[in-house]
Amino acid sequence: MKAKVYVETSILSYLAARSSQDTITAARQVITRRWWETEGAKYDLMVSEVVEAECQRGDPGVVARRQELLREVTLFPVNESILEVARLLIAPGAIPAKAGPDAIHIAAAAVEECDFLLTWNFRHIANVRIRREVERILANCGLQKRRSALRKNLSEHGPWEDDVLREVYAVRDAYAAEHGYDLDRIYADLKRREASSRLQRANTHPSPRA
């Protein structure tokens, strides 16, 4: 059985973005494309509905390319168990109250028992300053924060924002703001989207937590 990788929106955005002349952005694009082309087939690539929702926003050309990339992954629904963990992650020292989608990404990867969480999101997901508190909360839930399959590369290139990440953050912030930064309202929107999603559905689920 292949290991499962949760693909966060920033990965798809680097893959879909136009080639950049910026040194850091170009390096991240090369790293991401190389991983996708040489390593991606070795894993079950998975996303949640919040990834799909974010991929539908922004520059139309980039949106179209992200939609093509989503055909290569499988979708699992955000459920009550994921929502419960996301609520716990929104806490002092962990995920800020206005960053509900980030909490959902982390919770989804943990509850679905993905082996890796693939991300370039330095703001909250790959943020070393909040990692310890996030891991403590997940451990209390009997879960683990998933490792990033690009961790070595992430640390080498540092936590600088670039145009790709700024677009991802802007899309995510706007989506959360539309729902009043309220996790329950975000969850309700994701469930509405679930019925109309055309993505391939994952056919395996982890055993219920004790």
N, C-alpha and C. Protein backbone atom coordinates (compact mmCIF):
# COMPACT_ATOMS: atom_id res chain seq x y z
N MET A 1 0.84 -1.19 0.00
CA MET A 1 0.00 0.00 0.00
C MET A 1 0.88 1.25 0.00
N LYS A 2 0.54 2.21 -0.85
CA LYS A 2 1.31 3.44 -0.93
C LYS A 2 1.08 4.31 0.30
N ALA A 3 2.10 5.07 0.67
CA ALA A 3 1.94 6.07 1.73
C ALA A 3 1.03 7.18 1.20
N LYS A 4 0.29 7.81 2.11
CA LYS A 4 -0.64 8.87 1.73
C LYS A 4 -0.01 10.24 1.96
N VAL A 5 -0.17 11.11 0.99
CA VAL A 5 0.34 12.48 1.07
C VAL A 5 -0.83 13.45 0.93
N TYR A 6 -0.97 14.33 1.92
CA TYR A 6 -1.96 15.41 1.84
C TYR A 6 -1.30 16.57 1.11
N VAL A 7 -1.87 16.97 -0.03
CA VAL A 7 -1.31 18.03 -0.86
C VAL A 7 -2.03 19.33 -0.54
N GLU A 8 -1.33 20.23 0.13
CA GLU A 8 -1.91 21.53 0.50
C GLU A 8 -1.85 22.48 -0.69
N THR A 9 -2.69 23.49 -0.69
CA THR A 9 -2.91 24.37 -1.85
C THR A 9 -1.64 25.02 -2.37
N SER A 10 -0.70 25.35 -1.51
CA SER A 10 0.51 26.03 -1.98
C SER A 10 1.30 25.18 -2.97
N ILE A 11 1.27 23.87 -2.81
CA ILE A 11 1.98 22.99 -3.74
C ILE A 11 1.37 23.10 -5.13
N LEU A 12 0.07 23.02 -5.24
CA LEU A 12 -0.61 23.13 -6.52
C LEU A 12 -0.41 24.51 -7.13
N SER A 13 -0.28 25.52 -6.28
CA SER A 13 -0.10 26.88 -6.78
C SER A 13 1.29 27.08 -7.37
N TYR A 14 2.32 26.50 -6.76
CA TYR A 14 3.65 26.58 -7.35
C TYR A 14 3.71 25.81 -8.67
N LEU A 15 3.01 24.70 -8.74
CA LEU A 15 2.98 23.93 -9.98
C LEU A 15 2.25 24.69 -11.09
N ALA A 16 1.21 25.41 -10.72
CA ALA A 16 0.36 26.08 -11.71
C ALA A 16 0.85 27.47 -12.09
N ALA A 17 1.67 28.07 -11.25
CA ALA A 17 2.11 29.45 -11.50
C ALA A 17 2.98 29.55 -12.74
N ARG A 18 2.94 30.72 -13.38
CA ARG A 18 3.83 30.97 -14.50
C ARG A 18 5.28 30.96 -14.01
N SER A 19 6.20 30.57 -14.87
CA SER A 19 7.61 30.53 -14.49
C SER A 19 8.05 31.91 -14.02
N SER A 20 8.73 31.93 -12.88
CA SER A 20 9.10 33.18 -12.25
C SER A 20 10.56 33.53 -12.52
N GLN A 21 10.85 34.84 -12.57
CA GLN A 21 12.22 35.32 -12.69
C GLN A 21 12.85 35.53 -11.33
N ASP A 22 12.03 35.48 -10.28
CA ASP A 22 12.56 35.62 -8.92
C ASP A 22 13.30 34.35 -8.53
N THR A 23 14.50 34.52 -7.96
CA THR A 23 15.35 33.37 -7.68
C THR A 23 14.70 32.38 -6.72
N ILE A 24 14.14 32.89 -5.63
CA ILE A 24 13.55 32.02 -4.62
C ILE A 24 12.32 31.32 -5.17
N THR A 25 11.44 32.08 -5.81
CA THR A 25 10.22 31.49 -6.38
C THR A 25 10.56 30.45 -7.43
N ALA A 26 11.51 30.76 -8.31
CA ALA A 26 11.89 29.82 -9.35
C ALA A 26 12.45 28.54 -8.76
N ALA A 27 13.25 28.66 -7.69
CA ALA A 27 13.81 27.48 -7.04
C ALA A 27 12.70 26.61 -6.45
N ARG A 28 11.73 27.24 -5.81
CA ARG A 28 10.62 26.48 -5.23
C ARG A 28 9.80 25.80 -6.32
N GLN A 29 9.62 26.48 -7.46
CA GLN A 29 8.89 25.87 -8.57
C GLN A 29 9.63 24.63 -9.09
N VAL A 30 10.95 24.74 -9.24
CA VAL A 30 11.73 23.61 -9.72
C VAL A 30 11.65 22.44 -8.74
N ILE A 31 11.82 22.71 -7.45
CA ILE A 31 11.76 21.67 -6.42
C ILE A 31 10.39 20.98 -6.44
N THR A 32 9.33 21.80 -6.52
CA THR A 32 7.98 21.25 -6.48
C THR A 32 7.68 20.42 -7.72
N ARG A 33 8.05 20.94 -8.89
CA ARG A 33 7.81 20.18 -10.13
C ARG A 33 8.61 18.88 -10.14
N ARG A 34 9.85 18.95 -9.68
CA ARG A 34 10.69 17.74 -9.67
C ARG A 34 10.09 16.69 -8.76
N TRP A 35 9.61 17.11 -7.58
CA TRP A 35 8.98 16.15 -6.67
C TRP A 35 7.72 15.57 -7.32
N TRP A 36 6.90 16.43 -7.88
CA TRP A 36 5.63 15.99 -8.47
C TRP A 36 5.87 14.99 -9.60
N GLU A 37 6.85 15.27 -10.43
CA GLU A 37 7.10 14.43 -11.60
C GLU A 37 7.86 13.15 -11.28
N THR A 38 8.74 13.18 -10.28
CA THR A 38 9.58 12.01 -10.00
C THR A 38 9.14 11.21 -8.78
N GLU A 39 8.46 11.86 -7.85
CA GLU A 39 8.08 11.19 -6.61
C GLU A 39 6.57 11.02 -6.44
N GLY A 40 5.79 11.86 -7.07
CA GLY A 40 4.36 11.87 -6.84
C GLY A 40 3.67 10.54 -7.08
N ALA A 41 4.09 9.82 -8.11
CA ALA A 41 3.45 8.55 -8.44
C ALA A 41 3.69 7.47 -7.39
N LYS A 42 4.64 7.70 -6.49
CA LYS A 42 4.96 6.72 -5.46
C LYS A 42 3.98 6.81 -4.27
N TYR A 43 3.11 7.81 -4.28
CA TYR A 43 2.22 8.06 -3.15
C TYR A 43 0.78 8.16 -3.60
N ASP A 44 -0.14 7.97 -2.65
CA ASP A 44 -1.53 8.33 -2.87
C ASP A 44 -1.67 9.81 -2.53
N LEU A 45 -1.89 10.63 -3.54
CA LEU A 45 -1.99 12.08 -3.35
C LEU A 45 -3.43 12.44 -3.03
N MET A 46 -3.63 13.15 -1.92
CA MET A 46 -4.97 13.41 -1.43
C MET A 46 -5.15 14.88 -1.09
N VAL A 47 -6.37 15.35 -1.26
CA VAL A 47 -6.74 16.71 -0.85
C VAL A 47 -8.08 16.65 -0.13
N SER A 48 -8.38 17.72 0.58
CA SER A 48 -9.70 17.87 1.18
C SER A 48 -10.47 18.94 0.41
N GLU A 49 -11.73 19.12 0.77
CA GLU A 49 -12.55 20.10 0.06
C GLU A 49 -12.04 21.53 0.21
N VAL A 50 -11.31 21.81 1.29
CA VAL A 50 -10.80 23.18 1.45
C VAL A 50 -9.72 23.46 0.41
N VAL A 51 -8.93 22.45 0.02
CA VAL A 51 -7.97 22.63 -1.07
C VAL A 51 -8.72 22.93 -2.36
N GLU A 52 -9.73 22.12 -2.65
CA GLU A 52 -10.50 22.34 -3.87
C GLU A 52 -11.12 23.74 -3.89
N ALA A 53 -11.67 24.18 -2.77
CA ALA A 53 -12.30 25.50 -2.69
C ALA A 53 -11.28 26.61 -2.96
N GLU A 54 -10.09 26.48 -2.39
CA GLU A 54 -9.06 27.50 -2.58
C GLU A 54 -8.53 27.50 -4.01
N CYS A 55 -8.45 26.32 -4.62
CA CYS A 55 -7.93 26.22 -5.99
C CYS A 55 -8.85 26.87 -7.01
N GLN A 56 -10.11 27.11 -6.64
CA GLN A 56 -11.07 27.70 -7.56
C GLN A 56 -11.05 29.22 -7.54
N ARG A 57 -10.14 29.81 -6.77
CA ARG A 57 -10.08 31.26 -6.62
C ARG A 57 -8.76 31.82 -7.15
N GLY A 58 -8.80 33.10 -7.54
CA GLY A 58 -7.58 33.75 -7.97
C GLY A 58 -7.53 33.97 -9.47
N ASP A 59 -6.31 34.12 -10.00
CA ASP A 59 -6.08 34.36 -11.42
C ASP A 59 -6.70 33.24 -12.26
N PRO A 60 -7.54 33.57 -13.24
CA PRO A 60 -8.24 32.53 -14.02
C PRO A 60 -7.31 31.51 -14.67
N GLY A 61 -6.17 31.98 -15.20
CA GLY A 61 -5.24 31.05 -15.83
C GLY A 61 -4.66 30.07 -14.83
N VAL A 62 -4.31 30.57 -13.66
CA VAL A 62 -3.76 29.71 -12.61
C VAL A 62 -4.84 28.77 -12.10
N VAL A 63 -6.06 29.27 -11.95
CA VAL A 63 -7.18 28.42 -11.53
C VAL A 63 -7.35 27.25 -12.48
N ALA A 64 -7.31 27.53 -13.78
CA ALA A 64 -7.50 26.46 -14.78
C ALA A 64 -6.40 25.41 -14.67
N ARG A 65 -5.16 25.85 -14.45
CA ARG A 65 -4.06 24.89 -14.34
C ARG A 65 -4.16 24.09 -13.05
N ARG A 66 -4.60 24.74 -11.97
CA ARG A 66 -4.79 23.98 -10.71
C ARG A 66 -5.90 22.96 -10.86
N GLN A 67 -6.94 23.31 -11.59
CA GLN A 67 -8.03 22.37 -11.80
C GLN A 67 -7.54 21.13 -12.55
N GLU A 68 -6.65 21.32 -13.50
CA GLU A 68 -6.07 20.18 -14.22
C GLU A 68 -5.27 19.30 -13.26
N LEU A 69 -4.50 19.91 -12.39
CA LEU A 69 -3.67 19.16 -11.44
C LEU A 69 -4.53 18.37 -10.45
N LEU A 70 -5.69 18.92 -10.11
CA LEU A 70 -6.57 18.23 -9.17
C LEU A 70 -7.09 16.90 -9.72
N ARG A 71 -7.01 16.72 -11.02
CA ARG A 71 -7.43 15.45 -11.60
C ARG A 71 -6.47 14.32 -11.23
N GLU A 72 -5.29 14.68 -10.74
CA GLU A 72 -4.28 13.67 -10.40
C GLU A 72 -4.34 13.25 -8.93
N VAL A 73 -5.28 13.81 -8.18
CA VAL A 73 -5.36 13.49 -6.76
C VAL A 73 -6.74 12.95 -6.43
N THR A 74 -6.89 12.44 -5.22
CA THR A 74 -8.21 12.00 -4.76
C THR A 74 -8.67 12.90 -3.62
N LEU A 75 -9.98 12.99 -3.48
CA LEU A 75 -10.60 13.88 -2.50
C LEU A 75 -11.18 13.08 -1.35
N PHE A 76 -10.96 13.53 -0.12
CA PHE A 76 -11.71 12.96 0.99
C PHE A 76 -12.47 14.10 1.68
N PRO A 77 -13.68 13.83 2.14
CA PRO A 77 -14.52 14.89 2.70
C PRO A 77 -14.05 15.34 4.07
N VAL A 78 -14.23 16.61 4.33
CA VAL A 78 -14.03 17.15 5.67
C VAL A 78 -15.23 16.73 6.49
N ASN A 79 -14.99 16.02 7.60
CA ASN A 79 -16.09 15.51 8.42
C ASN A 79 -16.06 16.13 9.82
N GLU A 80 -16.96 15.67 10.66
CA GLU A 80 -17.07 16.22 12.02
C GLU A 80 -15.80 15.98 12.83
N SER A 81 -15.13 14.85 12.61
CA SER A 81 -13.91 14.56 13.35
C SER A 81 -12.81 15.57 13.00
N ILE A 82 -12.71 15.91 11.72
CA ILE A 82 -11.73 16.91 11.28
C ILE A 82 -12.09 18.27 11.86
N LEU A 83 -13.37 18.61 11.82
CA LEU A 83 -13.81 19.90 12.36
C LEU A 83 -13.49 20.00 13.85
N GLU A 84 -13.71 18.92 14.58
CA GLU A 84 -13.44 18.91 16.02
C GLU A 84 -11.97 19.18 16.31
N VAL A 85 -11.08 18.53 15.57
CA VAL A 85 -9.64 18.74 15.78
C VAL A 85 -9.25 20.15 15.35
N ALA A 86 -9.81 20.64 14.25
CA ALA A 86 -9.50 22.00 13.79
C ALA A 86 -9.87 23.02 14.86
N ARG A 87 -11.00 22.82 15.51
CA ARG A 87 -11.39 23.73 16.60
C ARG A 87 -10.34 23.75 17.70
N LEU A 88 -9.81 22.59 18.05
CA LEU A 88 -8.82 22.51 19.12
C LEU A 88 -7.50 23.18 18.72
N LEU A 89 -7.19 23.15 17.43
CA LEU A 89 -5.94 23.74 16.95
C LEU A 89 -5.96 25.26 16.99
N ILE A 90 -7.14 25.84 17.00
CA ILE A 90 -7.25 27.29 17.10
C ILE A 90 -7.13 27.66 18.57
N ALA A 91 -5.91 28.00 18.97
CA ALA A 91 -5.59 28.22 20.38
C ALA A 91 -4.36 29.10 20.47
N PRO A 92 -4.17 29.78 21.61
CA PRO A 92 -2.96 30.59 21.79
C PRO A 92 -1.70 29.76 21.56
N GLY A 93 -0.78 30.29 20.78
CA GLY A 93 0.46 29.59 20.48
C GLY A 93 0.36 28.61 19.35
N ALA A 94 -0.86 28.35 18.88
CA ALA A 94 -1.06 27.42 17.75
C ALA A 94 -1.62 28.21 16.56
N ILE A 95 -2.78 27.84 16.07
CA ILE A 95 -3.35 28.50 14.89
C ILE A 95 -4.23 29.68 15.32
N PRO A 96 -4.02 30.87 14.73
CA PRO A 96 -4.84 32.03 15.08
C PRO A 96 -6.31 31.84 14.71
N ALA A 97 -7.17 32.59 15.39
CA ALA A 97 -8.61 32.44 15.18
C ALA A 97 -9.03 32.75 13.74
N LYS A 98 -8.31 33.65 13.06
CA LYS A 98 -8.68 34.03 11.70
C LYS A 98 -8.07 33.10 10.65
N ALA A 99 -7.41 32.04 11.08
CA ALA A 99 -6.74 31.13 10.14
C ALA A 99 -7.39 29.75 10.16
N GLY A 100 -8.72 29.72 10.20
CA GLY A 100 -9.44 28.45 10.25
C GLY A 100 -9.07 27.48 9.14
N PRO A 101 -8.94 27.94 7.87
CA PRO A 101 -8.57 26.98 6.82
C PRO A 101 -7.24 26.29 7.08
N ASP A 102 -6.26 27.00 7.67
CA ASP A 102 -4.99 26.35 8.00
C ASP A 102 -5.21 25.24 9.02
N ALA A 103 -6.05 25.50 10.01
CA ALA A 103 -6.36 24.49 11.02
C ALA A 103 -7.02 23.28 10.37
N ILE A 104 -7.89 23.52 9.39
CA ILE A 104 -8.56 22.40 8.71
C ILE A 104 -7.56 21.57 7.92
N HIS A 105 -6.62 22.23 7.23
CA HIS A 105 -5.61 21.48 6.48
C HIS A 105 -4.83 20.53 7.40
N ILE A 106 -4.35 21.06 8.53
CA ILE A 106 -3.57 20.24 9.47
C ILE A 106 -4.43 19.12 10.04
N ALA A 107 -5.65 19.47 10.46
CA ALA A 107 -6.54 18.47 11.05
C ALA A 107 -6.91 17.39 10.05
N ALA A 108 -7.15 17.78 8.80
CA ALA A 108 -7.53 16.80 7.77
C ALA A 108 -6.42 15.79 7.55
N ALA A 109 -5.18 16.28 7.43
CA ALA A 109 -4.05 15.36 7.22
C ALA A 109 -3.87 14.43 8.40
N ALA A 110 -4.08 14.95 9.61
CA ALA A 110 -3.89 14.13 10.82
C ALA A 110 -4.99 13.10 10.98
N VAL A 111 -6.24 13.52 10.86
CA VAL A 111 -7.37 12.61 11.07
C VAL A 111 -7.41 11.54 9.98
N GLU A 112 -7.08 11.92 8.76
CA GLU A 112 -7.09 10.97 7.65
C GLU A 112 -5.87 10.05 7.68
N GLU A 113 -4.97 10.30 8.65
CA GLU A 113 -3.76 9.49 8.83
C GLU A 113 -2.87 9.51 7.59
N CYS A 114 -2.73 10.69 6.99
CA CYS A 114 -1.78 10.85 5.90
C CYS A 114 -0.37 10.77 6.48
N ASP A 115 0.53 10.18 5.71
CA ASP A 115 1.90 10.02 6.18
C ASP A 115 2.70 11.31 6.06
N PHE A 116 2.32 12.16 5.12
CA PHE A 116 3.00 13.43 4.92
C PHE A 116 1.98 14.52 4.63
N LEU A 117 2.32 15.74 5.03
CA LEU A 117 1.57 16.92 4.65
C LEU A 117 2.51 17.75 3.78
N LEU A 118 2.20 17.85 2.50
CA LEU A 118 3.08 18.52 1.55
C LEU A 118 2.68 19.98 1.44
N THR A 119 3.58 20.90 1.81
CA THR A 119 3.22 22.31 1.86
C THR A 119 4.43 23.21 1.73
N TRP A 120 4.16 24.43 1.24
CA TRP A 120 5.13 25.52 1.29
C TRP A 120 4.59 26.63 2.20
N ASN A 121 3.54 26.37 2.94
CA ASN A 121 2.89 27.39 3.76
C ASN A 121 3.69 27.62 5.04
N PHE A 122 4.49 28.68 5.04
CA PHE A 122 5.32 28.99 6.20
C PHE A 122 4.56 29.76 7.28
N ARG A 123 3.41 30.31 6.92
CA ARG A 123 2.72 31.19 7.86
C ARG A 123 2.27 30.43 9.10
N HIS A 124 1.63 29.28 8.91
CA HIS A 124 1.12 28.52 10.05
C HIS A 124 1.43 27.02 9.99
N ILE A 125 1.43 26.44 8.79
CA ILE A 125 1.53 24.98 8.70
C ILE A 125 2.97 24.50 8.86
N ALA A 126 3.90 25.16 8.17
CA ALA A 126 5.32 24.80 8.29
C ALA A 126 6.06 25.82 9.15
N ASN A 127 5.39 26.34 10.14
CA ASN A 127 5.94 27.39 11.00
C ASN A 127 6.54 26.75 12.26
N VAL A 128 7.85 26.85 12.40
CA VAL A 128 8.51 26.17 13.52
C VAL A 128 8.11 26.78 14.87
N ARG A 129 7.68 28.04 14.86
CA ARG A 129 7.33 28.70 16.12
C ARG A 129 6.06 28.14 16.74
N ILE A 130 5.15 27.64 15.90
CA ILE A 130 3.90 27.11 16.45
C ILE A 130 3.85 25.59 16.40
N ARG A 131 4.86 24.98 15.82
CA ARG A 131 4.83 23.53 15.60
C ARG A 131 4.68 22.76 16.91
N ARG A 132 5.41 23.16 17.95
CA ARG A 132 5.38 22.40 19.19
C ARG A 132 3.98 22.38 19.79
N GLU A 133 3.30 23.53 19.79
CA GLU A 133 1.96 23.58 20.36
C GLU A 133 0.96 22.78 19.51
N VAL A 134 1.09 22.86 18.19
CA VAL A 134 0.23 22.07 17.31
C VAL A 134 0.42 20.58 17.56
N GLU A 135 1.67 20.17 17.67
CA GLU A 135 1.95 18.75 17.91
C GLU A 135 1.44 18.30 19.28
N ARG A 136 1.50 19.20 20.26
CA ARG A 136 0.99 18.85 21.60
C ARG A 136 -0.52 18.63 21.54
N ILE A 137 -1.22 19.52 20.84
CA ILE A 137 -2.68 19.40 20.72
C ILE A 137 -3.05 18.11 19.99
N LEU A 138 -2.35 17.83 18.90
CA LEU A 138 -2.64 16.61 18.15
C LEU A 138 -2.34 15.36 18.97
N ALA A 139 -1.25 15.40 19.73
CA ALA A 139 -0.90 14.25 20.58
C ALA A 139 -1.99 14.01 21.61
N ASN A 140 -2.56 15.07 22.15
CA ASN A 140 -3.64 14.93 23.12
C ASN A 140 -4.89 14.32 22.49
N CYS A 141 -4.99 14.44 21.16
CA CYS A 141 -6.11 13.84 20.43
C CYS A 141 -5.76 12.44 19.93
N GLY A 142 -4.56 11.97 20.26
CA GLY A 142 -4.12 10.67 19.77
C GLY A 142 -3.69 10.70 18.32
N LEU A 143 -3.28 11.89 17.86
CA LEU A 143 -2.89 12.07 16.47
C LEU A 143 -1.47 12.61 16.39
N GLN A 144 -0.93 12.64 15.19
CA GLN A 144 0.40 13.20 14.96
C GLN A 144 0.32 14.24 13.85
N LYS A 145 1.14 15.30 14.00
CA LYS A 145 1.28 16.22 12.88
C LYS A 145 2.11 15.53 11.81
N ARG A 146 1.66 15.59 10.58
CA ARG A 146 2.33 14.87 9.52
C ARG A 146 3.57 15.62 9.04
N ARG A 147 4.60 14.86 8.71
CA ARG A 147 5.84 15.45 8.22
C ARG A 147 5.64 16.01 6.82
N SER A 148 6.42 17.04 6.50
CA SER A 148 6.42 17.55 5.14
C SER A 148 7.43 16.77 4.32
N ALA A 149 7.00 16.28 3.17
CA ALA A 149 7.90 15.54 2.29
C ALA A 149 8.96 16.45 1.68
N LEU A 150 8.77 17.76 1.79
CA LEU A 150 9.76 18.71 1.28
C LEU A 150 10.48 19.40 2.42
N ARG A 151 10.47 18.82 3.61
CA ARG A 151 11.00 19.52 4.78
C ARG A 151 12.44 19.99 4.58
N LYS A 152 13.30 19.13 4.08
CA LYS A 152 14.70 19.51 3.89
C LYS A 152 14.78 20.73 2.97
N ASN A 153 14.04 20.70 1.89
CA ASN A 153 14.09 21.80 0.95
C ASN A 153 13.47 23.07 1.52
N LEU A 154 12.41 22.91 2.28
CA LEU A 154 11.78 24.08 2.90
C LEU A 154 12.77 24.80 3.80
N SER A 155 13.45 24.05 4.64
CA SER A 155 14.36 24.68 5.59
C SER A 155 15.54 25.32 4.87
N GLU A 156 15.94 24.76 3.74
CA GLU A 156 17.06 25.33 3.01
C GLU A 156 16.72 26.68 2.41
N HIS A 157 15.48 26.88 2.02
CA HIS A 157 15.13 28.09 1.31
C HIS A 157 14.47 29.15 2.20
N GLY A 158 14.22 28.85 3.44
CA GLY A 158 13.79 29.86 4.38
C GLY A 158 12.34 30.31 4.23
N PRO A 159 11.84 31.04 5.22
CA PRO A 159 10.42 31.38 5.27
C PRO A 159 10.06 32.70 4.60
N TRP A 160 10.66 33.03 3.45
CA TRP A 160 10.33 34.28 2.78
C TRP A 160 9.05 34.12 1.98
N GLU A 161 8.22 35.16 2.02
CA GLU A 161 7.03 35.16 1.19
C GLU A 161 7.42 35.57 -0.23
N ASP A 162 6.69 35.08 -1.19
CA ASP A 162 6.86 35.50 -2.57
C ASP A 162 5.48 35.67 -3.19
N ASP A 163 5.43 35.96 -4.48
CA ASP A 163 4.14 36.24 -5.12
C ASP A 163 3.20 35.04 -5.06
N VAL A 164 3.74 33.84 -5.17
CA VAL A 164 2.88 32.65 -5.14
C VAL A 164 2.26 32.49 -3.76
N LEU A 165 3.07 32.59 -2.72
CA LEU A 165 2.54 32.43 -1.36
C LEU A 165 1.60 33.58 -1.00
N ARG A 166 1.93 34.79 -1.44
CA ARG A 166 1.03 35.91 -1.13
C ARG A 166 -0.34 35.68 -1.75
N GLU A 167 -0.36 35.10 -2.96
CA GLU A 167 -1.65 34.82 -3.60
C GLU A 167 -2.40 33.74 -2.83
N VAL A 168 -1.69 32.70 -2.40
CA VAL A 168 -2.33 31.63 -1.61
C VAL A 168 -2.89 32.20 -0.32
N TYR A 169 -2.10 33.01 0.37
CA TYR A 169 -2.55 33.59 1.64
C TYR A 169 -3.75 34.51 1.43
N ALA A 170 -3.72 35.31 0.34
CA ALA A 170 -4.83 36.23 0.07
C ALA A 170 -6.12 35.48 -0.22
N VAL A 171 -6.01 34.42 -1.01
CA VAL A 171 -7.18 33.59 -1.32
C VAL A 171 -7.74 32.97 -0.05
N ARG A 172 -6.85 32.44 0.78
CA ARG A 172 -7.27 31.77 2.02
C ARG A 172 -7.91 32.76 2.99
N ASP A 173 -7.30 33.93 3.12
CA ASP A 173 -7.84 34.95 4.02
C ASP A 173 -9.21 35.43 3.54
N ALA A 174 -9.35 35.62 2.22
CA ALA A 174 -10.63 36.09 1.68
C ALA A 174 -11.72 35.04 1.88
N TYR A 175 -11.37 33.78 1.69
CA TYR A 175 -12.35 32.70 1.89
C TYR A 175 -12.82 32.66 3.34
N ALA A 176 -11.87 32.74 4.27
CA ALA A 176 -12.24 32.73 5.69
C ALA A 176 -13.08 33.96 6.05
N ALA A 177 -12.71 35.12 5.49
CA ALA A 177 -13.44 36.36 5.80
C ALA A 177 -14.88 36.29 5.30
N GLU A 178 -15.10 35.67 4.14
CA GLU A 178 -16.45 35.53 3.60
C GLU A 178 -17.37 34.78 4.55
N HIS A 179 -16.78 33.95 5.39
CA HIS A 179 -17.57 33.15 6.33
C HIS A 179 -17.36 33.62 7.77
N GLY A 180 -16.96 34.88 7.89
CA GLY A 180 -16.83 35.49 9.21
C GLY A 180 -15.77 34.84 10.08
N TYR A 181 -14.78 34.19 9.47
CA TYR A 181 -13.72 33.48 10.19
C TYR A 181 -14.30 32.45 11.16
N ASP A 182 -15.46 31.94 10.81
CA ASP A 182 -16.17 31.00 11.67
C ASP A 182 -16.03 29.58 11.12
N LEU A 183 -15.45 28.68 11.90
CA LEU A 183 -15.21 27.32 11.42
C LEU A 183 -16.50 26.60 11.04
N ASP A 184 -17.55 26.81 11.80
CA ASP A 184 -18.81 26.12 11.49
C ASP A 184 -19.37 26.58 10.15
N ARG A 185 -19.25 27.88 9.86
CA ARG A 185 -19.73 28.39 8.57
C ARG A 185 -18.84 27.90 7.42
N ILE A 186 -17.54 27.83 7.65
CA ILE A 186 -16.63 27.28 6.63
C ILE A 186 -16.96 25.81 6.38
N TYR A 187 -17.19 25.08 7.46
CA TYR A 187 -17.53 23.65 7.34
C TYR A 187 -18.83 23.47 6.55
N ALA A 188 -19.83 24.30 6.84
CA ALA A 188 -21.10 24.20 6.12
C ALA A 188 -20.90 24.45 4.63
N ASP A 189 -20.04 25.41 4.28
CA ASP A 189 -19.77 25.69 2.88
C ASP A 189 -19.06 24.50 2.21
N LEU A 190 -18.12 23.90 2.93
CA LEU A 190 -17.41 22.74 2.37
C LEU A 190 -18.35 21.57 2.14
N LYS A 191 -19.30 21.37 3.02
CA LYS A 191 -20.26 20.28 2.84
C LYS A 191 -21.17 20.55 1.64
N ARG A 192 -21.51 21.83 1.42
CA ARG A 192 -22.31 22.16 0.24
C ARG A 192 -21.53 21.85 -1.04
N ARG A 193 -20.23 22.13 -1.01
CA ARG A 193 -19.39 21.88 -2.17
C ARG A 193 -19.21 20.38 -2.44
N GLU A 194 -19.27 19.60 -1.40
CA GLU A 194 -18.99 18.17 -1.50
C GLU A 194 -19.87 17.49 -2.54
N ALA A 195 -21.15 17.85 -2.56
CA ALA A 195 -22.09 17.19 -3.47
C ALA A 195 -21.80 17.47 -4.93
N SER A 196 -21.21 18.64 -5.22
CA SER A 196 -20.98 19.01 -6.62
C SER A 196 -19.55 18.77 -7.09
N SER A 197 -18.68 18.32 -6.20
CA SER A 197 -17.29 18.09 -6.59
C SER A 197 -17.18 16.97 -7.62
N ARG A 198 -16.33 17.19 -8.62
CA ARG A 198 -16.11 16.19 -9.66
C ARG A 198 -14.79 15.44 -9.46
N LEU A 199 -14.14 15.70 -8.35
CA LEU A 199 -12.87 15.03 -8.10
C LEU A 199 -13.10 13.57 -7.74
N GLN A 200 -12.11 12.75 -8.06
CA GLN A 200 -12.16 11.33 -7.69
C GLN A 200 -12.16 11.21 -6.17
N ARG A 201 -13.04 10.38 -5.63
CA ARG A 201 -13.16 10.22 -4.19
C ARG A 201 -12.22 9.14 -3.68
N ALA A 202 -11.60 9.40 -2.54
CA ALA A 202 -10.79 8.38 -1.89
C ALA A 202 -11.72 7.27 -1.42
N ASN A 203 -11.29 6.03 -1.55
CA ASN A 203 -12.15 4.90 -1.18
C ASN A 203 -11.70 4.20 0.09
N THR A 204 -10.71 4.77 0.79
CA THR A 204 -10.28 4.22 2.06
C THR A 204 -10.31 5.30 3.11
N HIS A 205 -10.63 4.92 4.32
CA HIS A 205 -10.69 5.85 5.44
C HIS A 205 -10.06 5.21 6.66
N PRO A 206 -9.44 6.01 7.52
CA PRO A 206 -8.84 5.45 8.72
C PRO A 206 -9.91 4.95 9.67
N SER A 207 -9.51 4.06 10.57
CA SER A 207 -10.43 3.55 11.57
C SER A 207 -10.81 4.66 12.53
N PRO A 208 -12.05 4.68 13.05
CA PRO A 208 -12.45 5.70 14.00
C PRO A 208 -11.52 5.72 15.19
N ARG A 209 -11.27 6.96 15.69
CA ARG A 209 -10.42 7.08 16.88
C ARG A 209 -11.18 6.62 18.10
N ALA A 210 -10.40 6.07 19.05
CA ALA A 210 -11.02 5.61 20.28
C ALA A 210 -11.49 6.80 21.10
